[in-house]
Amino acid sequence: MDFNKEKFKNVLHYIIHKCGHKSNVGKTVLYKLMYFSDFNFFELYEKSLTNESYKKLPRGPAPMHFDVAIEELTNEGKINVKTKNLPSERIMYNYSSLEEPKMDFTYDELSVIDDVLDNLSDMNANQISEYSHGDMPWRATDDYKIIDYGFVFYRNPEYIKRNYDQSD
């Protein structure tokens, strides 16, 4: 599976367009929204949305090409990034969309992304990190290693998106 940078950038731009204005949505939240969009889509359709690789970090899964995509979207004039220093010596990144995202998504892709946004985009960084720590792909991966998409088929019930009871 080759990483689809343009698809990744389009999904990221769409997510920023839909919820970048929320005060809770910074880099950590965007990491997790991308992760759940990709992994939920994989569970449902057995193929990746963007073919992005996600690394298991202490605060949850992180997409490998995030910074490159943000830089390109910024240079293309599609998004704006602002930073502010937090008391905990951390930096809060705020992202805003400067134009309509490219809507080259299938119905299935858009419904998965919108479902993730509806269910998770109101969480703050700590809440969504904690939530991601319960997902089997993150739990089953060694620290700092790439998370295997196949682990979605071993999810606990609260994370399952697919109806496995259907008989064909």
C-alpha atoms as a PDB file:
ATOM      1  CA  MET A   1       0.000   0.000   0.000  1.00  0.00           C
ATOM      2  CA  ASP A   2       1.516   3.305  -1.066  1.00  0.00           C
ATOM      3  CA  PHE A   3       0.800   6.417   0.963  1.00  0.00           C
ATOM      4  CA  ASN A   4      -1.694   8.633  -0.863  1.00  0.00           C
ATOM      5  CA  LYS A   5      -0.430  12.105   0.080  1.00  0.00           C
ATOM      6  CA  GLU A   6      -3.076  14.022  -1.873  1.00  0.00           C
ATOM      7  CA  LYS A   7      -5.913  12.007  -0.309  1.00  0.00           C
ATOM      8  CA  PHE A   8      -4.364  12.467   3.149  1.00  0.00           C
ATOM      9  CA  LYS A   9      -4.113  16.231   2.570  1.00  0.00           C
ATOM     10  CA  ASN A  10      -7.709  16.382   1.325  1.00  0.00           C
ATOM     11  CA  VAL A  11      -9.042  14.486   4.351  1.00  0.00           C
ATOM     12  CA  LEU A  12      -6.975  16.659   6.694  1.00  0.00           C
ATOM     13  CA  HIS A  13      -8.153  19.864   4.971  1.00  0.00           C
ATOM     14  CA  TYR A  14     -11.771  18.668   5.145  1.00  0.00           C
ATOM     15  CA  ILE A  15     -11.458  17.920   8.893  1.00  0.00           C
ATOM     16  CA  ILE A  16      -9.860  21.335   9.526  1.00  0.00           C
ATOM     17  CA  HIS A  17     -12.604  22.976   7.451  1.00  0.00           C
ATOM     18  CA  LYS A  18     -15.326  21.203   9.471  1.00  0.00           C
ATOM     19  CA  CYS A  19     -13.938  21.577  13.001  1.00  0.00           C
ATOM     20  CA  GLY A  20     -10.711  23.616  13.034  1.00  0.00           C
ATOM     21  CA  HIS A  21     -12.681  26.550  14.469  1.00  0.00           C
ATOM     22  CA  LYS A  22     -13.365  24.605  17.695  1.00  0.00           C
ATOM     23  CA  SER A  23     -11.106  25.720  20.535  1.00  0.00           C
ATOM     24  CA  ASN A  24     -10.385  22.099  21.528  1.00  0.00           C
ATOM     25  CA  VAL A  25      -9.104  21.078  18.083  1.00  0.00           C
ATOM     26  CA  GLY A  26      -5.318  21.262  17.960  1.00  0.00           C
ATOM     27  CA  LYS A  27      -2.619  18.942  16.686  1.00  0.00           C
ATOM     28  CA  THR A  28      -3.372  16.057  19.089  1.00  0.00           C
ATOM     29  CA  VAL A  29      -7.080  16.073  18.289  1.00  0.00           C
ATOM     30  CA  LEU A  30      -6.373  16.229  14.544  1.00  0.00           C
ATOM     31  CA  TYR A  31      -3.987  13.263  14.868  1.00  0.00           C
ATOM     32  CA  LYS A  32      -6.751  11.176  16.416  1.00  0.00           C
ATOM     33  CA  LEU A  33      -9.487  12.321  13.998  1.00  0.00           C
ATOM     34  CA  MET A  34      -7.237  11.275  11.108  1.00  0.00           C
ATOM     35  CA  TYR A  35      -6.420   7.975  12.814  1.00  0.00           C
ATOM     36  CA  PHE A  36     -10.045   7.047  13.474  1.00  0.00           C
ATOM     37  CA  SER A  37     -11.069   8.124   9.957  1.00  0.00           C
ATOM     38  CA  ASP A  38      -8.422   5.836   8.454  1.00  0.00           C
ATOM     39  CA  PHE A  39      -8.851   2.897  10.825  1.00  0.00           C
ATOM     40  CA  ASN A  40     -12.666   2.954  10.922  1.00  0.00           C
ATOM     41  CA  PHE A  41     -12.725   3.049   7.124  1.00  0.00           C
ATOM     42  CA  PHE A  42     -10.339   0.094   7.037  1.00  0.00           C
ATOM     43  CA  GLU A  43     -12.523  -1.899   9.422  1.00  0.00           C
ATOM     44  CA  LEU A  44     -15.618  -1.254   7.318  1.00  0.00           C
ATOM     45  CA  TYR A  45     -14.189  -1.652   3.806  1.00  0.00           C
ATOM     46  CA  GLU A  46     -10.927  -3.582   4.306  1.00  0.00           C
ATOM     47  CA  LYS A  47      -8.918  -0.902   2.553  1.00  0.00           C
ATOM     48  CA  SER A  48      -7.274   2.243   3.821  1.00  0.00           C
ATOM     49  CA  LEU A  49      -8.618   5.696   3.156  1.00  0.00           C
ATOM     50  CA  THR A  50      -5.174   7.331   2.793  1.00  0.00           C
ATOM     51  CA  ASN A  51      -2.661   4.485   3.321  1.00  0.00           C
ATOM     52  CA  GLU A  52      -1.043   6.648   5.992  1.00  0.00           C
ATOM     53  CA  SER A  53       1.220   5.009   8.568  1.00  0.00           C
ATOM     54  CA  TYR A  54       0.460   5.807  12.201  1.00  0.00           C
ATOM     55  CA  LYS A  55       3.039   5.462  14.951  1.00  0.00           C
ATOM     56  CA  LYS A  56       2.198   4.480  18.535  1.00  0.00           C
ATOM     57  CA  LEU A  57       3.223   7.436  20.673  1.00  0.00           C
ATOM     58  CA  PRO A  58       2.590   7.885  24.417  1.00  0.00           C
ATOM     59  CA  ARG A  59      -0.385  10.220  23.796  1.00  0.00           C
ATOM     60  CA  GLY A  60      -1.890   7.959  21.132  1.00  0.00           C
ATOM     61  CA  PRO A  61      -1.541   7.269  17.422  1.00  0.00           C
ATOM     62  CA  ALA A  62       0.166   9.902  15.265  1.00  0.00           C
ATOM     63  CA  PRO A  63       0.202  10.110  11.454  1.00  0.00           C
ATOM     64  CA  MET A  64       3.721  10.034  10.009  1.00  0.00           C
ATOM     65  CA  HIS A  65       3.135  12.640   7.278  1.00  0.00           C
ATOM     66  CA  PHE A  66       1.104  15.178   9.296  1.00  0.00           C
ATOM     67  CA  ASP A  67       3.697  17.973   9.446  1.00  0.00           C
ATOM     68  CA  VAL A  68       4.525  17.674   5.728  1.00  0.00           C
ATOM     69  CA  ALA A  69       0.822  17.803   4.832  1.00  0.00           C
ATOM     70  CA  ILE A  70       0.219  20.830   7.093  1.00  0.00           C
ATOM     71  CA  GLU A  71       3.206  22.628   5.584  1.00  0.00           C
ATOM     72  CA  GLU A  72       2.002  21.943   2.038  1.00  0.00           C
ATOM     73  CA  LEU A  73      -1.599  22.961   2.813  1.00  0.00           C
ATOM     74  CA  THR A  74      -0.270  26.180   4.376  1.00  0.00           C
ATOM     75  CA  ASN A  75       2.032  26.925   1.418  1.00  0.00           C
ATOM     76  CA  GLU A  76      -0.869  26.265  -0.993  1.00  0.00           C
ATOM     77  CA  GLY A  77      -2.942  28.884   0.877  1.00  0.00           C
ATOM     78  CA  LYS A  78      -5.593  26.352   1.913  1.00  0.00           C
ATOM     79  CA  ILE A  79      -5.142  26.543   5.700  1.00  0.00           C
ATOM     80  CA  ASN A  80      -3.679  28.833   8.334  1.00  0.00           C
ATOM     81  CA  VAL A  81      -1.841  27.711  11.469  1.00  0.00           C
ATOM     82  CA  LYS A  82      -1.562  29.767  14.652  1.00  0.00           C
ATOM     83  CA  THR A  83       0.286  28.801  17.799  1.00  0.00           C
ATOM     84  CA  LYS A  84      -0.037  29.855  21.390  1.00  0.00           C
ATOM     85  CA  ASN A  85       1.999  28.894  24.417  1.00  0.00           C
ATOM     86  CA  LEU A  86       0.195  27.005  27.135  1.00  0.00           C
ATOM     87  CA  PRO A  87       1.089  27.210  30.850  1.00  0.00           C
ATOM     88  CA  SER A  88       2.340  23.599  30.767  1.00  0.00           C
ATOM     89  CA  GLU A  89       5.211  24.693  28.460  1.00  0.00           C
ATOM     90  CA  ARG A  90       3.379  23.074  25.562  1.00  0.00           C
ATOM     91  CA  ILE A  91       2.221  24.740  22.370  1.00  0.00           C
ATOM     92  CA  MET A  92      -1.386  24.775  21.203  1.00  0.00           C
ATOM     93  CA  TYR A  93      -1.794  24.690  17.446  1.00  0.00           C
ATOM     94  CA  ASN A  94      -4.970  26.141  15.967  1.00  0.00           C
ATOM     95  CA  TYR A  95      -5.822  25.405  12.356  1.00  0.00           C
ATOM     96  CA  SER A  96      -8.268  27.249  10.143  1.00  0.00           C
ATOM     97  CA  SER A  97      -9.390  26.599   6.598  1.00  0.00           C
ATOM     98  CA  LEU A  98      -8.944  29.463   4.140  1.00  0.00           C
ATOM     99  CA  GLU A  99     -10.914  27.889   1.285  1.00  0.00           C
ATOM    100  CA  GLU A 100     -13.348  25.090   0.539  1.00  0.00           C
ATOM    101  CA  PRO A 101     -11.647  21.681   0.620  1.00  0.00           C
ATOM    102  CA  LYS A 102     -11.443  19.530  -2.480  1.00  0.00           C
ATOM    103  CA  MET A 103     -14.446  17.207  -2.179  1.00  0.00           C
ATOM    104  CA  ASP A 104     -13.130  14.186  -4.033  1.00  0.00           C
ATOM    105  CA  PHE A 105     -14.574  11.699  -1.545  1.00  0.00           C
ATOM    106  CA  THR A 106     -16.884   8.780  -2.182  1.00  0.00           C
ATOM    107  CA  TYR A 107     -20.129   8.598  -0.225  1.00  0.00           C
ATOM    108  CA  ASP A 108     -18.611   5.854   1.975  1.00  0.00           C
ATOM    109  CA  GLU A 109     -15.458   7.870   2.675  1.00  0.00           C
ATOM    110  CA  LEU A 110     -17.388  10.988   3.597  1.00  0.00           C
ATOM    111  CA  SER A 111     -19.826   9.103   5.822  1.00  0.00           C
ATOM    112  CA  VAL A 112     -16.948   7.518   7.800  1.00  0.00           C
ATOM    113  CA  ILE A 113     -15.122  10.850   8.219  1.00  0.00           C
ATOM    114  CA  ASP A 114     -18.329  12.675   9.218  1.00  0.00           C
ATOM    115  CA  ASP A 115     -19.180   9.906  11.712  1.00  0.00           C
ATOM    116  CA  VAL A 116     -15.746  10.315  13.330  1.00  0.00           C
ATOM    117  CA  LEU A 117     -16.205  14.105  13.495  1.00  0.00           C
ATOM    118  CA  ASP A 118     -19.734  13.793  14.918  1.00  0.00           C
ATOM    119  CA  ASN A 119     -18.583  11.425  17.651  1.00  0.00           C
ATOM    120  CA  LEU A 120     -15.078  12.610  18.564  1.00  0.00           C
ATOM    121  CA  SER A 121     -14.401  16.213  17.492  1.00  0.00           C
ATOM    122  CA  ASP A 122     -15.787  17.738  20.704  1.00  0.00           C
ATOM    123  CA  MET A 123     -13.215  15.895  22.845  1.00  0.00           C
ATOM    124  CA  ASN A 124     -10.182  17.788  24.081  1.00  0.00           C
ATOM    125  CA  ALA A 125      -6.637  16.465  23.600  1.00  0.00           C
ATOM    126  CA  ASN A 126      -6.590  14.537  26.885  1.00  0.00           C
ATOM    127  CA  GLN A 127     -10.021  12.970  26.309  1.00  0.00           C
ATOM    128  CA  ILE A 128      -9.358  11.847  22.738  1.00  0.00           C
ATOM    129  CA  SER A 129      -5.873  10.576  23.646  1.00  0.00           C
ATOM    130  CA  GLU A 130      -7.366   8.532  26.472  1.00  0.00           C
ATOM    131  CA  TYR A 131     -10.067   7.243  24.109  1.00  0.00           C
ATOM    132  CA  SER A 132      -7.482   6.234  21.483  1.00  0.00           C
ATOM    133  CA  HIS A 133      -5.590   4.247  24.150  1.00  0.00           C
ATOM    134  CA  GLY A 134      -8.585   1.919  24.397  1.00  0.00           C
ATOM    135  CA  ASP A 135      -8.566   1.026  20.690  1.00  0.00           C
ATOM    136  CA  MET A 136      -7.046  -2.394  19.987  1.00  0.00           C
ATOM    137  CA  PRO A 137      -4.695  -1.305  17.162  1.00  0.00           C
ATOM    138  CA  TRP A 138      -2.958   1.142  19.535  1.00  0.00           C
ATOM    139  CA  ARG A 139      -3.025  -1.298  22.472  1.00  0.00           C
ATOM    140  CA  ALA A 140      -1.602  -4.195  20.426  1.00  0.00           C
ATOM    141  CA  THR A 141       1.358  -2.189  19.078  1.00  0.00           C
ATOM    142  CA  ASP A 142       4.757  -1.779  20.731  1.00  0.00           C
ATOM    143  CA  ASP A 143       5.737   1.781  21.703  1.00  0.00           C
ATOM    144  CA  TYR A 144       7.015   3.922  18.821  1.00  0.00           C
ATOM    145  CA  LYS A 145       6.197   1.239  16.227  1.00  0.00           C
ATOM    146  CA  ILE A 146       3.888   1.516  13.205  1.00  0.00           C
ATOM    147  CA  ILE A 147       0.316   0.444  14.016  1.00  0.00           C
ATOM    148  CA  ASP A 148      -1.016  -2.463  11.933  1.00  0.00           C
ATOM    149  CA  TYR A 149      -4.396  -1.708  10.372  1.00  0.00           C
ATOM    150  CA  GLY A 150      -5.336  -5.397  10.718  1.00  0.00           C
ATOM    151  CA  PHE A 151      -5.767  -5.003  14.475  1.00  0.00           C
ATOM    152  CA  VAL A 152      -9.115  -3.235  13.847  1.00  0.00           C
ATOM    153  CA  PHE A 153     -10.649  -6.697  13.488  1.00  0.00           C
ATOM    154  CA  TYR A 154      -9.904  -7.354  17.184  1.00  0.00           C
ATOM    155  CA  ARG A 155     -11.508  -4.190  18.557  1.00  0.00           C
ATOM    156  CA  ASN A 156     -13.517  -4.114  21.756  1.00  0.00           C
ATOM    157  CA  PRO A 157     -17.273  -3.635  21.235  1.00  0.00           C
ATOM    158  CA  GLU A 158     -17.308   0.118  21.964  1.00  0.00           C
ATOM    159  CA  TYR A 159     -14.916   0.738  19.043  1.00  0.00           C
ATOM    160  CA  ILE A 160     -16.426  -1.637  16.461  1.00  0.00           C
ATOM    161  CA  LYS A 161     -17.967   0.076  13.431  1.00  0.00           C
ATOM    162  CA  ARG A 162     -18.823  -2.963  11.335  1.00  0.00           C
ATOM    163  CA  ASN A 163     -21.835  -5.214  11.767  1.00  0.00           C
ATOM    164  CA  TYR A 164     -20.269  -8.677  12.032  1.00  0.00           C
ATOM    165  CA  ASP A 165     -23.628 -10.396  12.564  1.00  0.00           C
ATOM    166  CA  GLN A 166     -24.695 -10.067   8.939  1.00  0.00           C
ATOM    167  CA  SER A 167     -25.049 -13.299   7.023  1.00  0.00           C
ATOM    168  CA  ASP A 168     -24.163 -13.099   3.349  1.00  0.00           C
END
